[in-house]
Amino acid sequence: MLYDGACGLCRGAVAWLLAHDPAGRLRFAPLGGETARSLAAGRPGLEADADSVVLIAGGRTWLRSRAVLRALGHLPAPWRWAAPLARLPAWLLDPPYRLVARRRRLLRRAAPACALPDPDHATRFLP
């Protein structure tokens, strides 16, 4: 999962996912990092949408609300029950996501740089 490491709301979401993913299925990388750059090189259009959360799994790429819902699908119940909602059309799912995304820096204080992960979760973060 690629996320904005300088966004407080995004970092909070990653912390929540870490706490609810005891199997350690999700891994994370900041959008500005080398992992994101190398992944974007093979996925046209991904670079242009660098303000979005991105999930890459099973050779597929999901953006915005679908990325969030698909990520929930990697968690245990009851969270994974939300994953089928990702089948809804993007025109229905993405407007609320975009509304929150535009105001995310106001909703939670931004950090000047990507915070260092907890040592227990350090292996789940990619550069």
C-alpha atoms as a PDB file:
ATOM      1  CA  MET A   1       0.000   0.000   0.000  1.00  0.00           C
ATOM      2  CA  LEU A   2       1.355   3.399  -0.986  1.00  0.00           C
ATOM      3  CA  TYR A   3       0.387   6.409   1.106  1.00  0.00           C
ATOM      4  CA  ASP A   4       1.303  10.045   1.737  1.00  0.00           C
ATOM      5  CA  GLY A   5       3.897   9.781   4.514  1.00  0.00           C
ATOM      6  CA  ALA A   6       3.659  13.495   5.349  1.00  0.00           C
ATOM      7  CA  CYS A   7      -0.115  13.388   5.870  1.00  0.00           C
ATOM      8  CA  GLY A   8      -1.218  12.913   9.456  1.00  0.00           C
ATOM      9  CA  LEU A   9      -4.547  11.348   8.437  1.00  0.00           C
ATOM     10  CA  CYS A  10      -2.741   8.908   6.134  1.00  0.00           C
ATOM     11  CA  ARG A  11      -0.233   7.967   8.837  1.00  0.00           C
ATOM     12  CA  GLY A  12      -3.126   7.435  11.246  1.00  0.00           C
ATOM     13  CA  ALA A  13      -4.837   5.160   8.726  1.00  0.00           C
ATOM     14  CA  VAL A  14      -1.625   3.147   8.297  1.00  0.00           C
ATOM     15  CA  ALA A  15      -1.301   2.825  12.089  1.00  0.00           C
ATOM     16  CA  TRP A  16      -4.912   1.606  12.254  1.00  0.00           C
ATOM     17  CA  LEU A  17      -4.278  -0.956   9.494  1.00  0.00           C
ATOM     18  CA  LEU A  18      -1.135  -2.183  11.280  1.00  0.00           C
ATOM     19  CA  ALA A  19      -3.083  -2.627  14.517  1.00  0.00           C
ATOM     20  CA  HIS A  20      -5.851  -4.574  12.766  1.00  0.00           C
ATOM     21  CA  ASP A  21      -3.634  -6.756  10.566  1.00  0.00           C
ATOM     22  CA  PRO A  22      -2.238  -9.363  12.982  1.00  0.00           C
ATOM     23  CA  ALA A  23      -1.211 -11.646  10.096  1.00  0.00           C
ATOM     24  CA  GLY A  24       0.992  -8.896   8.658  1.00  0.00           C
ATOM     25  CA  ARG A  25      -0.444  -9.193   5.155  1.00  0.00           C
ATOM     26  CA  LEU A  26      -0.178  -5.497   4.291  1.00  0.00           C
ATOM     27  CA  ARG A  27       3.092  -3.697   3.612  1.00  0.00           C
ATOM     28  CA  PHE A  28       3.486   0.050   3.251  1.00  0.00           C
ATOM     29  CA  ALA A  29       5.620   2.531   1.336  1.00  0.00           C
ATOM     30  CA  PRO A  30       5.454   6.324   1.142  1.00  0.00           C
ATOM     31  CA  LEU A  31       4.302   7.779  -2.180  1.00  0.00           C
ATOM     32  CA  GLY A  32       7.528   9.776  -2.429  1.00  0.00           C
ATOM     33  CA  GLY A  33       9.807   6.789  -1.781  1.00  0.00           C
ATOM     34  CA  GLU A  34      11.872   4.639  -4.096  1.00  0.00           C
ATOM     35  CA  THR A  35       9.423   1.708  -3.883  1.00  0.00           C
ATOM     36  CA  ALA A  36       6.573   3.913  -5.131  1.00  0.00           C
ATOM     37  CA  ARG A  37       8.762   5.331  -7.920  1.00  0.00           C
ATOM     38  CA  SER A  38       9.778   1.882  -9.136  1.00  0.00           C
ATOM     39  CA  LEU A  39       6.178   0.597  -8.995  1.00  0.00           C
ATOM     40  CA  ALA A  40       4.863   3.685 -10.831  1.00  0.00           C
ATOM     41  CA  ALA A  41       7.321   3.091 -13.674  1.00  0.00           C
ATOM     42  CA  GLY A  42       5.446  -0.055 -14.671  1.00  0.00           C
ATOM     43  CA  ARG A  43       1.945   1.330 -14.142  1.00  0.00           C
ATOM     44  CA  PRO A  44       0.833   4.115 -16.505  1.00  0.00           C
ATOM     45  CA  GLY A  45      -1.225   6.819 -14.805  1.00  0.00           C
ATOM     46  CA  LEU A  46      -0.109   5.914 -11.296  1.00  0.00           C
ATOM     47  CA  GLU A  47       2.429   8.731 -11.131  1.00  0.00           C
ATOM     48  CA  ALA A  48      -0.192  11.292 -12.124  1.00  0.00           C
ATOM     49  CA  ASP A  49      -2.374  10.333  -9.159  1.00  0.00           C
ATOM     50  CA  ALA A  50       0.239  10.674  -6.437  1.00  0.00           C
ATOM     51  CA  ASP A  51      -2.304  12.214  -4.048  1.00  0.00           C
ATOM     52  CA  SER A  52      -4.195   8.964  -3.769  1.00  0.00           C
ATOM     53  CA  VAL A  53      -3.743   5.952  -1.555  1.00  0.00           C
ATOM     54  CA  VAL A  54      -2.724   3.035  -3.768  1.00  0.00           C
ATOM     55  CA  LEU A  55      -2.980  -0.696  -3.172  1.00  0.00           C
ATOM     56  CA  ILE A  56      -1.025  -3.091  -5.362  1.00  0.00           C
ATOM     57  CA  ALA A  57      -1.918  -6.737  -4.835  1.00  0.00           C
ATOM     58  CA  GLY A  58      -2.069  -9.800  -7.030  1.00  0.00           C
ATOM     59  CA  GLY A  59      -0.687  -7.881  -9.988  1.00  0.00           C
ATOM     60  CA  ARG A  60      -3.531  -5.341  -9.850  1.00  0.00           C
ATOM     61  CA  THR A  61      -3.578  -1.699  -8.826  1.00  0.00           C
ATOM     62  CA  TRP A  62      -6.402   0.033  -6.987  1.00  0.00           C
ATOM     63  CA  LEU A  63      -6.681   3.748  -6.208  1.00  0.00           C
ATOM     64  CA  ARG A  64      -8.583   5.859  -3.702  1.00  0.00           C
ATOM     65  CA  SER A  65     -11.693   4.283  -2.153  1.00  0.00           C
ATOM     66  CA  ARG A  66     -11.182   0.966  -3.896  1.00  0.00           C
ATOM     67  CA  ALA A  67      -7.650   0.743  -2.485  1.00  0.00           C
ATOM     68  CA  VAL A  68      -8.993   1.318   1.028  1.00  0.00           C
ATOM     69  CA  LEU A  69     -11.769  -1.243   0.630  1.00  0.00           C
ATOM     70  CA  ARG A  70      -9.435  -3.825  -0.911  1.00  0.00           C
ATOM     71  CA  ALA A  71      -6.963  -3.257   1.935  1.00  0.00           C
ATOM     72  CA  LEU A  72      -9.762  -3.969   4.418  1.00  0.00           C
ATOM     73  CA  GLY A  73     -10.227  -7.247   2.574  1.00  0.00           C
ATOM     74  CA  HIS A  74      -6.789  -8.318   3.824  1.00  0.00           C
ATOM     75  CA  LEU A  75      -7.862  -7.904   7.460  1.00  0.00           C
ATOM     76  CA  PRO A  76      -9.786 -10.370   9.614  1.00  0.00           C
ATOM     77  CA  ALA A  77     -13.559 -10.133  10.096  1.00  0.00           C
ATOM     78  CA  PRO A  78     -15.453  -7.906  10.524  1.00  0.00           C
ATOM     79  CA  TRP A  79     -13.239  -5.494   8.553  1.00  0.00           C
ATOM     80  CA  ARG A  80     -12.897  -7.745   5.512  1.00  0.00           C
ATOM     81  CA  TRP A  81     -16.661  -7.728   5.075  1.00  0.00           C
ATOM     82  CA  ALA A  82     -16.335  -4.227   3.572  1.00  0.00           C
ATOM     83  CA  ALA A  83     -14.138  -5.450   0.681  1.00  0.00           C
ATOM     84  CA  PRO A  84     -17.032  -6.408  -1.648  1.00  0.00           C
ATOM     85  CA  LEU A  85     -18.054  -2.735  -1.690  1.00  0.00           C
ATOM     86  CA  ALA A  86     -15.006  -2.195  -3.938  1.00  0.00           C
ATOM     87  CA  ARG A  87     -17.106  -3.685  -6.760  1.00  0.00           C
ATOM     88  CA  LEU A  88     -19.285  -0.570  -6.747  1.00  0.00           C
ATOM     89  CA  PRO A  89     -18.471   1.951  -9.486  1.00  0.00           C
ATOM     90  CA  ALA A  90     -15.753   4.505  -8.794  1.00  0.00           C
ATOM     91  CA  TRP A  91     -18.129   7.378  -9.620  1.00  0.00           C
ATOM     92  CA  LEU A  92     -20.143   6.329  -6.577  1.00  0.00           C
ATOM     93  CA  LEU A  93     -17.273   5.516  -4.202  1.00  0.00           C
ATOM     94  CA  ASP A  94     -14.713   8.198  -4.985  1.00  0.00           C
ATOM     95  CA  PRO A  95     -16.557  11.504  -4.337  1.00  0.00           C
ATOM     96  CA  PRO A  96     -16.599  10.987  -0.530  1.00  0.00           C
ATOM     97  CA  TYR A  97     -12.973   9.812  -0.695  1.00  0.00           C
ATOM     98  CA  ARG A  98     -11.952  12.916  -2.678  1.00  0.00           C
ATOM     99  CA  LEU A  99     -13.808  15.186  -0.237  1.00  0.00           C
ATOM    100  CA  VAL A 100     -11.840  13.781   2.704  1.00  0.00           C
ATOM    101  CA  ALA A 101      -8.597  13.723   0.669  1.00  0.00           C
ATOM    102  CA  ARG A 102      -8.898  17.445  -0.138  1.00  0.00           C
ATOM    103  CA  ARG A 103      -9.291  18.246   3.554  1.00  0.00           C
ATOM    104  CA  ARG A 104      -6.959  15.612   4.990  1.00  0.00           C
ATOM    105  CA  ARG A 105      -4.272  18.068   6.001  1.00  0.00           C
ATOM    106  CA  LEU A 106      -6.849  20.018   8.019  1.00  0.00           C
ATOM    107  CA  LEU A 107      -8.284  16.901   9.639  1.00  0.00           C
ATOM    108  CA  ARG A 108      -5.039  15.752  11.171  1.00  0.00           C
ATOM    109  CA  ARG A 109      -1.765  17.581  11.633  1.00  0.00           C
ATOM    110  CA  ALA A 110       0.793  16.905   8.919  1.00  0.00           C
ATOM    111  CA  ALA A 111       4.321  15.855   9.738  1.00  0.00           C
ATOM    112  CA  PRO A 112       7.354  17.475   8.092  1.00  0.00           C
ATOM    113  CA  ALA A 113       8.585  14.042   6.997  1.00  0.00           C
ATOM    114  CA  CYS A 114       7.498  10.442   7.057  1.00  0.00           C
ATOM    115  CA  ALA A 115       7.569   9.223  10.654  1.00  0.00           C
ATOM    116  CA  LEU A 116       9.707   6.231  11.518  1.00  0.00           C
ATOM    117  CA  PRO A 117       7.746   3.021  12.037  1.00  0.00           C
ATOM    118  CA  ASP A 118       7.444   1.257  15.363  1.00  0.00           C
ATOM    119  CA  PRO A 119      10.325  -1.279  15.629  1.00  0.00           C
ATOM    120  CA  ASP A 120       7.754  -4.113  15.805  1.00  0.00           C
ATOM    121  CA  HIS A 121       6.430  -3.094  12.386  1.00  0.00           C
ATOM    122  CA  ALA A 122       9.633  -1.902  10.718  1.00  0.00           C
ATOM    123  CA  THR A 123       9.797  -4.907   8.367  1.00  0.00           C
ATOM    124  CA  ARG A 124       6.364  -4.007   6.961  1.00  0.00           C
ATOM    125  CA  PHE A 125       7.594  -0.677   5.605  1.00  0.00           C
ATOM    126  CA  LEU A 126       9.380  -0.415   2.278  1.00  0.00           C
ATOM    127  CA  PRO A 127      11.643   2.493   1.291  1.00  0.00           C
END
